[in-house]
Amino acid sequence: MAVKIRLRRMGAKKRPFYRIVVADSRYPRDGRFIEEIGYYDSTKDPSVINVDADKAKKWIANGAQPTDTVKKLLVKSGAISE
Protein backbone atom coordinates (compact mmCIF):
# COMPACT_ATOMS: atom_id res chain seq x y z
CA MET A 1 0.00 0.00 0.00
CA ALA A 2 1.58 3.28 -1.16
CA VAL A 3 0.64 6.03 1.27
CA LYS A 4 0.69 9.66 0.13
CA ILE A 5 0.31 12.96 1.94
CA ARG A 6 -1.73 15.12 -0.42
CA LEU A 7 -4.32 17.85 -0.78
CA ARG A 8 -8.05 17.16 -0.72
CA ARG A 9 -10.07 19.90 -2.42
CA MET A 10 -13.10 21.21 -0.59
CA GLY A 11 -15.12 24.40 -0.57
CA ALA A 12 -17.50 25.93 -3.06
CA LYS A 13 -17.08 26.41 -6.77
CA LYS A 14 -14.38 29.04 -7.44
CA ARG A 15 -13.63 29.13 -3.66
CA PRO A 16 -11.17 26.28 -3.08
CA PHE A 17 -10.11 25.17 0.37
CA TYR A 18 -7.73 22.27 0.85
CA ARG A 19 -7.27 19.73 3.62
CA ILE A 20 -3.91 18.02 3.95
CA VAL A 21 -4.64 14.31 4.31
CA VAL A 22 -2.83 10.98 4.43
CA ALA A 23 -4.38 8.58 1.91
CA ASP A 24 -3.69 5.44 -0.06
CA SER A 25 -2.47 6.49 -3.50
CA ARG A 26 -5.13 4.32 -5.18
CA TYR A 27 -8.03 6.33 -3.71
CA PRO A 28 -9.50 9.29 -5.64
CA ARG A 29 -8.34 12.83 -4.83
CA ASP A 30 -11.44 13.70 -2.79
CA GLY A 31 -12.20 10.15 -1.71
CA ARG A 32 -11.43 8.08 1.34
CA PHE A 33 -8.43 9.00 3.47
CA ILE A 34 -6.63 7.65 6.53
CA GLU A 35 -6.04 10.80 8.58
CA GLU A 36 -6.34 14.58 8.27
CA ILE A 37 -3.20 16.40 9.39
CA GLY A 38 -3.93 20.01 8.48
CA TYR A 39 -5.45 22.51 6.06
CA TYR A 40 -4.44 25.09 3.47
CA ASP A 41 -6.52 28.09 2.41
CA SER A 42 -5.12 29.80 -0.67
CA THR A 43 -7.97 32.31 -0.98
CA LYS A 44 -6.86 34.35 2.04
CA ASP A 45 -4.17 37.01 1.80
CA PRO A 46 -1.66 35.88 3.03
CA SER A 47 -2.54 32.22 2.51
CA VAL A 48 -3.23 30.18 5.64
CA ILE A 49 -1.31 26.95 6.30
CA ASN A 50 -2.06 24.95 9.44
CA VAL A 51 -0.30 21.59 9.84
CA ASP A 52 0.10 19.26 12.82
CA ALA A 53 3.90 18.90 12.58
CA ASP A 54 4.06 15.86 14.88
CA LYS A 55 1.59 13.88 12.76
CA ALA A 56 3.35 14.90 9.53
CA LYS A 57 6.74 13.79 10.85
CA LYS A 58 5.27 10.52 12.13
CA TRP A 59 3.73 9.68 8.75
CA ILE A 60 6.88 10.59 6.82
CA ALA A 61 8.94 8.44 9.21
CA ASN A 62 6.54 5.56 8.52
CA GLY A 63 7.08 5.85 4.75
CA ALA A 64 4.34 8.23 3.55
CA GLN A 65 5.44 10.26 0.50
CA PRO A 66 4.27 13.90 0.33
CA THR A 67 3.33 15.24 -3.09
CA ASP A 68 5.43 18.10 -4.47
CA THR A 69 2.86 20.73 -3.47
CA VAL A 70 2.40 19.35 0.04
CA LYS A 71 6.16 19.12 0.52
CA LYS A 72 6.47 22.84 -0.27
CA LEU A 73 3.65 23.62 2.17
CA LEU A 74 5.25 21.52 4.93
CA VAL A 75 8.57 23.30 4.46
CA LYS A 76 6.86 26.71 4.39
CA SER A 77 4.96 25.96 7.61
CA GLY A 78 8.11 24.69 9.32
CA ALA A 79 6.82 21.16 9.86
CA ILE A 80 9.81 19.64 8.02
CA SER A 81 13.10 20.90 6.67
CA GLU A 82 14.26 20.49 3.09
PDB file of N, CA and C in Angstrom:
ATOM      1  N   MET A   1       0.856  -1.183   0.000  1.00  0.00           N
ATOM      2  CA  MET A   1       0.000   0.000   0.000  1.00  0.00           C
ATOM      3  C   MET A   1       0.899   1.242   0.000  1.00  0.00           C
ATOM      4  N   ALA A   2       0.811   2.044  -1.057  1.00  0.00           N
ATOM      5  CA  ALA A   2       1.580   3.285  -1.155  1.00  0.00           C
ATOM      6  C   ALA A   2       0.774   4.410  -0.518  1.00  0.00           C
ATOM      7  N   VAL A   3       1.336   4.966   0.537  1.00  0.00           N
ATOM      8  CA  VAL A   3       0.638   6.029   1.269  1.00  0.00           C
ATOM      9  C   VAL A   3       1.203   7.380   0.845  1.00  0.00           C
ATOM     10  N   LYS A   4       0.313   8.313   0.547  1.00  0.00           N
ATOM     11  CA  LYS A   4       0.691   9.661   0.130  1.00  0.00           C
ATOM     12  C   LYS A   4       0.118  10.686   1.090  1.00  0.00           C
ATOM     13  N   ILE A   5       0.843  11.791   1.237  1.00  0.00           N
ATOM     14  CA  ILE A   5       0.310  12.960   1.940  1.00  0.00           C
ATOM     15  C   ILE A   5      -0.028  13.948   0.835  1.00  0.00           C
ATOM     16  N   ARG A   6      -1.304  14.289   0.703  1.00  0.00           N
ATOM     17  CA  ARG A   6      -1.730  15.122  -0.419  1.00  0.00           C
ATOM     18  C   ARG A   6      -2.872  16.046  -0.044  1.00  0.00           C
ATOM     19  N   LEU A   7      -3.245  16.889  -1.004  1.00  0.00           N
ATOM     20  CA  LEU A   7      -4.320  17.853  -0.779  1.00  0.00           C
ATOM     21  C   LEU A   7      -5.658  17.247  -1.190  1.00  0.00           C
ATOM     22  N   ARG A   8      -6.683  17.556  -0.408  1.00  0.00           N
ATOM     23  CA  ARG A   8      -8.055  17.157  -0.716  1.00  0.00           C
ATOM     24  C   ARG A   8      -8.846  18.438  -0.906  1.00  0.00           C
ATOM     25  N   ARG A   9      -9.385  18.651  -2.111  1.00  0.00           N
ATOM     26  CA  ARG A   9     -10.075  19.902  -2.420  1.00  0.00           C
ATOM     27  C   ARG A   9     -11.462  19.906  -1.817  1.00  0.00           C
ATOM     28  N   MET A  10     -11.781  21.022  -1.174  1.00  0.00           N
ATOM     29  CA  MET A  10     -13.098  21.211  -0.593  1.00  0.00           C
ATOM     30  C   MET A  10     -13.529  22.637  -0.890  1.00  0.00           C
ATOM     31  N   GLY A  11     -14.652  23.044  -0.362  1.00  0.00           N
ATOM     32  CA  GLY A  11     -15.124  24.400  -0.575  1.00  0.00           C
ATOM     33  C   GLY A  11     -16.073  24.486  -1.757  1.00  0.00           C
ATOM     34  N   ALA A  12     -16.539  25.693  -1.998  1.00  0.00           N
ATOM     35  CA  ALA A  12     -17.502  25.929  -3.058  1.00  0.00           C
ATOM     36  C   ALA A  12     -16.799  26.108  -4.408  1.00  0.00           C
ATOM     37  N   LYS A  13     -17.594  26.153  -5.437  1.00  0.00           N
ATOM     38  CA  LYS A  13     -17.080  26.407  -6.773  1.00  0.00           C
ATOM     39  C   LYS A  13     -16.385  27.770  -6.796  1.00  0.00           C
ATOM     40  N   LYS A  14     -15.198  27.827  -7.352  1.00  0.00           N
ATOM     41  CA  LYS A  14     -14.378  29.039  -7.441  1.00  0.00           C
ATOM     42  C   LYS A  14     -13.884  29.539  -6.080  1.00  0.00           C
ATOM     43  N   ARG A  15     -14.101  28.780  -5.005  1.00  0.00           N
ATOM     44  CA  ARG A  15     -13.635  29.135  -3.661  1.00  0.00           C
ATOM     45  C   ARG A  15     -12.943  27.919  -3.039  1.00  0.00           C
ATOM     46  N   PRO A  16     -11.795  27.510  -3.570  1.00  0.00           N
ATOM     47  CA  PRO A  16     -11.168  26.278  -3.078  1.00  0.00           C
ATOM     48  C   PRO A  16     -10.601  26.409  -1.675  1.00  0.00           C
ATOM     49  N   PHE A  17     -10.649  25.308  -0.964  1.00  0.00           N
ATOM     50  CA  PHE A  17     -10.112  25.171   0.374  1.00  0.00           C
ATOM     51  C   PHE A  17      -9.560  23.754   0.417  1.00  0.00           C
ATOM     52  N   TYR A  18      -8.362  23.578   0.919  1.00  0.00           N
ATOM     53  CA  TYR A  18      -7.731  22.266   0.853  1.00  0.00           C
ATOM     54  C   TYR A  18      -7.450  21.723   2.241  1.00  0.00           C
ATOM     55  N   ARG A  19      -7.670  20.432   2.410  1.00  0.00           N
ATOM     56  CA  ARG A  19      -7.266  19.733   3.619  1.00  0.00           C
ATOM     57  C   ARG A  19      -6.062  18.879   3.263  1.00  0.00           C
ATOM     58  N   ILE A  20      -5.087  18.851   4.149  1.00  0.00           N
ATOM     59  CA  ILE A  20      -3.908  18.018   3.948  1.00  0.00           C
ATOM     60  C   ILE A  20      -4.207  16.682   4.613  1.00  0.00           C
ATOM     61  N   VAL A  21      -4.237  15.621   3.809  1.00  0.00           N
ATOM     62  CA  VAL A  21      -4.638  14.310   4.306  1.00  0.00           C
ATOM     63  C   VAL A  21      -3.592  13.255   3.954  1.00  0.00           C
ATOM     64  N   VAL A  22      -3.629  12.172   4.715  1.00  0.00           N
ATOM     65  CA  VAL A  22      -2.827  10.985   4.435  1.00  0.00           C
ATOM     66  C   VAL A  22      -3.785   9.974   3.832  1.00  0.00           C
ATOM     67  N   ALA A  23      -3.462   9.488   2.613  1.00  0.00           N
ATOM     68  CA  ALA A  23      -4.376   8.585   1.912  1.00  0.00           C
ATOM     69  C   ALA A  23      -3.596   7.549   1.116  1.00  0.00           C
ATOM     70  N   ASP A  24      -4.239   6.444   0.853  1.00  0.00           N
ATOM     71  CA  ASP A  24      -3.692   5.443  -0.057  1.00  0.00           C
ATOM     72  C   ASP A  24      -3.675   6.059  -1.453  1.00  0.00           C
ATOM     73  N   SER A  25      -2.606   5.854  -2.191  1.00  0.00           N
ATOM     74  CA  SER A  25      -2.468   6.494  -3.501  1.00  0.00           C
ATOM     75  C   SER A  25      -3.498   5.993  -4.510  1.00  0.00           C
ATOM     76  N   ARG A  26      -4.137   4.864  -4.244  1.00  0.00           N
ATOM     77  CA  ARG A  26      -5.131   4.324  -5.178  1.00  0.00           C
ATOM     78  C   ARG A  26      -6.510   4.967  -5.027  1.00  0.00           C
ATOM     79  N   TYR A  27      -6.729   5.691  -3.931  1.00  0.00           N
ATOM     80  CA  TYR A  27      -8.026   6.330  -3.711  1.00  0.00           C
ATOM     81  C   TYR A  27      -8.130   7.608  -4.533  1.00  0.00           C
ATOM     82  N   PRO A  28      -9.346   8.031  -4.895  1.00  0.00           N
ATOM     83  CA  PRO A  28      -9.501   9.290  -5.639  1.00  0.00           C
ATOM     84  C   PRO A  28      -9.086  10.502  -4.808  1.00  0.00           C
ATOM     85  N   ARG A  29      -8.835  11.618  -5.485  1.00  0.00           N
ATOM     86  CA  ARG A  29      -8.342  12.834  -4.832  1.00  0.00           C
ATOM     87  C   ARG A  29      -9.223  13.257  -3.656  1.00  0.00           C
ATOM     88  N   ASP A  30     -10.529  13.261  -3.845  1.00  0.00           N
ATOM     89  CA  ASP A  30     -11.444  13.704  -2.793  1.00  0.00           C
ATOM     90  C   ASP A  30     -12.147  12.534  -2.119  1.00  0.00           C
ATOM     91  N   GLY A  31     -11.579  11.347  -2.264  1.00  0.00           N
ATOM     92  CA  GLY A  31     -12.200  10.148  -1.711  1.00  0.00           C
ATOM     93  C   GLY A  31     -11.750   9.846  -0.298  1.00  0.00           C
ATOM     94  N   ARG A  32     -11.747   8.557   0.006  1.00  0.00           N
ATOM     95  CA  ARG A  32     -11.427   8.079   1.343  1.00  0.00           C
ATOM     96  C   ARG A  32      -9.989   8.422   1.726  1.00  0.00           C
ATOM     97  N   PHE A  33      -9.774   8.691   2.990  1.00  0.00           N
ATOM     98  CA  PHE A  33      -8.434   8.995   3.472  1.00  0.00           C
ATOM     99  C   PHE A  33      -8.226   8.360   4.839  1.00  0.00           C
ATOM    100  N   ILE A  34      -6.969   8.292   5.259  1.00  0.00           N
ATOM    101  CA  ILE A  34      -6.627   7.650   6.526  1.00  0.00           C
ATOM    102  C   ILE A  34      -6.707   8.642   7.677  1.00  0.00           C
ATOM    103  N   GLU A  35      -6.068   9.810   7.499  1.00  0.00           N
ATOM    104  CA  GLU A  35      -6.037  10.803   8.576  1.00  0.00           C
ATOM    105  C   GLU A  35      -5.871  12.199   8.000  1.00  0.00           C
ATOM    106  N   GLU A  36      -6.499  13.166   8.643  1.00  0.00           N
ATOM    107  CA  GLU A  36      -6.342  14.576   8.266  1.00  0.00           C
ATOM    108  C   GLU A  36      -5.287  15.187   9.182  1.00  0.00           C
ATOM    109  N   ILE A  37      -4.280  15.850   8.568  1.00  0.00           N
ATOM    110  CA  ILE A  37      -3.203  16.401   9.391  1.00  0.00           C
ATOM    111  C   ILE A  37      -3.108  17.919   9.315  1.00  0.00           C
ATOM    112  N   GLY A  38      -3.975  18.559   8.537  1.00  0.00           N
ATOM    113  CA  GLY A  38      -3.934  20.015   8.476  1.00  0.00           C
ATOM    114  C   GLY A  38      -4.821  20.563   7.378  1.00  0.00           C
ATOM    115  N   TYR A  39      -4.693  21.882   7.129  1.00  0.00           N
ATOM    116  CA  TYR A  39      -5.454  22.510   6.059  1.00  0.00           C
ATOM    117  C   TYR A  39      -4.663  23.637   5.431  1.00  0.00           C
ATOM    118  N   TYR A  40      -5.092  24.030   4.238  1.00  0.00           N
ATOM    119  CA  TYR A  40      -4.441  25.091   3.470  1.00  0.00           C
ATOM    120  C   TYR A  40      -5.527  25.896   2.781  1.00  0.00           C
ATOM    121  N   ASP A  41      -5.541  27.199   3.033  1.00  0.00           N
ATOM    122  CA  ASP A  41      -6.524  28.085   2.415  1.00  0.00           C
ATOM    123  C   ASP A  41      -5.780  29.108   1.565  1.00  0.00           C
ATOM    124  N   SER A  42      -5.851  28.928   0.257  1.00  0.00           N
ATOM    125  CA  SER A  42      -5.124  29.801  -0.666  1.00  0.00           C
ATOM    126  C   SER A  42      -5.889  31.067  -1.013  1.00  0.00           C
ATOM    127  N   THR A  43      -7.159  31.147  -0.619  1.00  0.00           N
ATOM    128  CA  THR A  43      -7.966  32.306  -0.982  1.00  0.00           C
ATOM    129  C   THR A  43      -7.712  33.501  -0.066  1.00  0.00           C
ATOM    130  N   LYS A  44      -7.165  33.264   1.106  1.00  0.00           N
ATOM    131  CA  LYS A  44      -6.865  34.350   2.042  1.00  0.00           C
ATOM    132  C   LYS A  44      -5.578  35.051   1.615  1.00  0.00           C
ATOM    133  N   ASP A  45      -5.397  36.279   2.090  1.00  0.00           N
ATOM    134  CA  ASP A  45      -4.172  37.011   1.796  1.00  0.00           C
ATOM    135  C   ASP A  45      -3.557  37.494   3.103  1.00  0.00           C
ATOM    136  N   PRO A  46      -2.473  36.975   3.588  1.00  0.00           N
ATOM    137  CA  PRO A  46      -1.661  35.885   3.031  1.00  0.00           C
ATOM    138  C   PRO A  46      -2.339  34.529   3.230  1.00  0.00           C
ATOM    139  N   SER A  47      -1.921  33.542   2.440  1.00  0.00           N
ATOM    140  CA  SER A  47      -2.542  32.218   2.510  1.00  0.00           C
ATOM    141  C   SER A  47      -2.300  31.586   3.881  1.00  0.00           C
ATOM    142  N   VAL A  48      -3.257  30.786   4.315  1.00  0.00           N
ATOM    143  CA  VAL A  48      -3.228  30.176   5.645  1.00  0.00           C
ATOM    144  C   VAL A  48      -2.812  28.714   5.515  1.00  0.00           C
ATOM    145  N   ILE A  49      -1.768  28.345   6.261  1.00  0.00           N
ATOM    146  CA  ILE A  49      -1.314  26.955   6.298  1.00  0.00           C
ATOM    147  C   ILE A  49      -1.291  26.529   7.754  1.00  0.00           C
ATOM    148  N   ASN A  50      -2.024  25.470   8.077  1.00  0.00           N
ATOM    149  CA  ASN A  50      -2.059  24.951   9.440  1.00  0.00           C
ATOM    150  C   ASN A  50      -1.812  23.445   9.368  1.00  0.00           C
ATOM    151  N   VAL A  51      -0.676  23.001   9.919  1.00  0.00           N
ATOM    152  CA  VAL A  51      -0.295  21.593   9.845  1.00  0.00           C
ATOM    153  C   VAL A  51       0.093  21.104  11.228  1.00  0.00           C
ATOM    154  N   ASP A  52      -0.351  19.905  11.584  1.00  0.00           N
ATOM    155  CA  ASP A  52       0.098  19.255  12.816  1.00  0.00           C
ATOM    156  C   ASP A  52       1.463  18.636  12.512  1.00  0.00           C
ATOM    157  N   ALA A  53       2.533  19.304  12.927  1.00  0.00           N
ATOM    158  CA  ALA A  53       3.901  18.896  12.582  1.00  0.00           C
ATOM    159  C   ALA A  53       4.236  17.507  13.114  1.00  0.00           C
ATOM    160  N   ASP A  54       3.754  17.165  14.304  1.00  0.00           N
ATOM    161  CA  ASP A  54       4.061  15.856  14.878  1.00  0.00           C
ATOM    162  C   ASP A  54       3.476  14.729  14.027  1.00  0.00           C
ATOM    163  N   LYS A  55       2.217  14.905  13.599  1.00  0.00           N
ATOM    164  CA  LYS A  55       1.587  13.884  12.764  1.00  0.00           C
ATOM    165  C   LYS A  55       2.283  13.772  11.410  1.00  0.00           C
ATOM    166  N   ALA A  56       2.664  14.912  10.828  1.00  0.00           N
ATOM    167  CA  ALA A  56       3.346  14.901   9.528  1.00  0.00           C
ATOM    168  C   ALA A  56       4.680  14.164   9.634  1.00  0.00           C
ATOM    169  N   LYS A  57       5.451  14.460  10.667  1.00  0.00           N
ATOM    170  CA  LYS A  57       6.740  13.789  10.853  1.00  0.00           C
ATOM    171  C   LYS A  57       6.563  12.295  11.079  1.00  0.00           C
ATOM    172  N   LYS A  58       5.518  11.938  11.853  1.00  0.00           N
ATOM    173  CA  LYS A  58       5.266  10.523  12.127  1.00  0.00           C
ATOM    174  C   LYS A  58       4.954   9.768  10.843  1.00  0.00           C
ATOM    175  N   TRP A  59       4.102  10.344   9.989  1.00  0.00           N
ATOM    176  CA  TRP A  59       3.727   9.677   8.750  1.00  0.00           C
ATOM    177  C   TRP A  59       4.900   9.588   7.775  1.00  0.00           C
ATOM    178  N   ILE A  60       5.718  10.628   7.705  1.00  0.00           N
ATOM    179  CA  ILE A  60       6.881  10.593   6.820  1.00  0.00           C
ATOM    180  C   ILE A  60       7.881   9.553   7.315  1.00  0.00           C
ATOM    181  N   ALA A  61       8.052   9.454   8.631  1.00  0.00           N
ATOM    182  CA  ALA A  61       8.942   8.438   9.206  1.00  0.00           C
ATOM    183  C   ALA A  61       8.440   7.027   8.918  1.00  0.00           C
ATOM    184  N   ASN A  62       7.122   6.867   8.811  1.00  0.00           N
ATOM    185  CA  ASN A  62       6.539   5.564   8.523  1.00  0.00           C
ATOM    186  C   ASN A  62       6.471   5.262   7.029  1.00  0.00           C
ATOM    187  N   GLY A  63       6.983   6.153   6.183  1.00  0.00           N
ATOM    188  CA  GLY A  63       7.076   5.853   4.753  1.00  0.00           C
ATOM    189  C   GLY A  63       6.098   6.588   3.862  1.00  0.00           C
ATOM    190  N   ALA A  64       5.281   7.475   4.387  1.00  0.00           N
ATOM    191  CA  ALA A  64       4.344   8.227   3.545  1.00  0.00           C
ATOM    192  C   ALA A  64       5.120   9.240   2.704  1.00  0.00           C
ATOM    193  N   GLN A  65       4.767   9.343   1.424  1.00  0.00           N
ATOM    194  CA  GLN A  65       5.440  10.256   0.504  1.00  0.00           C
ATOM    195  C   GLN A  65       4.574  11.488   0.275  1.00  0.00           C
ATOM    196  N   PRO A  66       5.053  12.695   0.635  1.00  0.00           N
ATOM    197  CA  PRO A  66       4.265  13.898   0.332  1.00  0.00           C
ATOM    198  C   PRO A  66       4.365  14.233  -1.153  1.00  0.00           C
ATOM    199  N   THR A  67       3.285  14.767  -1.710  1.00  0.00           N
ATOM    200  CA  THR A  67       3.326  15.236  -3.086  1.00  0.00           C
ATOM    201  C   THR A  67       4.199  16.492  -3.133  1.00  0.00           C
ATOM    202  N   ASP A  68       4.556  16.934  -4.330  1.00  0.00           N
ATOM    203  CA  ASP A  68       5.429  18.103  -4.469  1.00  0.00           C
ATOM    204  C   ASP A  68       4.826  19.336  -3.807  1.00  0.00           C
ATOM    205  N   THR A  69       3.539  19.567  -4.035  1.00  0.00           N
ATOM    206  CA  THR A  69       2.864  20.733  -3.470  1.00  0.00           C
ATOM    207  C   THR A  69       2.826  20.662  -1.951  1.00  0.00           C
ATOM    208  N   VAL A  70       2.485  19.506  -1.415  1.00  0.00           N
ATOM    209  CA  VAL A  70       2.400  19.351   0.038  1.00  0.00           C
ATOM    210  C   VAL A  70       3.783  19.485   0.664  1.00  0.00           C
ATOM    211  N   LYS A  71       4.804  18.988  -0.012  1.00  0.00           N
ATOM    212  CA  LYS A  71       6.162  19.121   0.523  1.00  0.00           C
ATOM    213  C   LYS A  71       6.544  20.594   0.660  1.00  0.00           C
ATOM    214  N   LYS A  72       6.195  21.409  -0.343  1.00  0.00           N
ATOM    215  CA  LYS A  72       6.465  22.843  -0.273  1.00  0.00           C
ATOM    216  C   LYS A  72       5.705  23.481   0.885  1.00  0.00           C
ATOM    217  N   LEU A  73       4.456  23.075   1.080  1.00  0.00           N
ATOM    218  CA  LEU A  73       3.653  23.620   2.171  1.00  0.00           C
ATOM    219  C   LEU A  73       4.215  23.222   3.534  1.00  0.00           C
ATOM    220  N   LEU A  74       4.683  21.986   3.659  1.00  0.00           N
ATOM    221  CA  LEU A  74       5.254  21.522   4.926  1.00  0.00           C
ATOM    222  C   LEU A  74       6.533  22.281   5.248  1.00  0.00           C
ATOM    223  N   VAL A  75       7.343  22.539   4.242  1.00  0.00           N
ATOM    224  CA  VAL A  75       8.573  23.302   4.459  1.00  0.00           C
ATOM    225  C   VAL A  75       8.228  24.741   4.826  1.00  0.00           C
ATOM    226  N   LYS A  76       7.258  25.324   4.136  1.00  0.00           N
ATOM    227  CA  LYS A  76       6.858  26.709   4.394  1.00  0.00           C
ATOM    228  C   LYS A  76       6.284  26.884   5.796  1.00  0.00           C
ATOM    229  N   SER A  77       5.556  25.879   6.275  1.00  0.00           N
ATOM    230  CA  SER A  77       4.962  25.962   7.612  1.00  0.00           C
ATOM    231  C   SER A  77       5.960  25.612   8.715  1.00  0.00           C
ATOM    232  N   GLY A  78       7.099  25.040   8.325  1.00  0.00           N
ATOM    233  CA  GLY A  78       8.112  24.688   9.320  1.00  0.00           C
ATOM    234  C   GLY A  78       7.941  23.303   9.905  1.00  0.00           C
ATOM    235  N   ALA A  79       7.048  22.500   9.348  1.00  0.00           N
ATOM    236  CA  ALA A  79       6.820  21.160   9.864  1.00  0.00           C
ATOM    237  C   ALA A  79       8.000  20.235   9.550  1.00  0.00           C
ATOM    238  N   ILE A  80       8.623  20.412   8.390  1.00  0.00           N
ATOM    239  CA  ILE A  80       9.811  19.635   8.024  1.00  0.00           C
ATOM    240  C   ILE A  80      10.837  20.577   7.433  1.00  0.00           C
ATOM    241  N   SER A  81      12.069  20.111   7.346  1.00  0.00           N
ATOM    242  CA  SER A  81      13.099  20.903   6.665  1.00  0.00           C
ATOM    243  C   SER A  81      13.381  20.264   5.317  1.00  0.00           C
ATOM    244  N   GLU A  82      13.992  21.005   4.431  1.00  0.00           N
ATOM    245  CA  GLU A  82      14.255  20.489   3.087  1.00  0.00           C
ATOM    246  C   GLU A  82      15.198  19.392   3.108  1.00  0.00           C
TER     247      GLU A  82
END
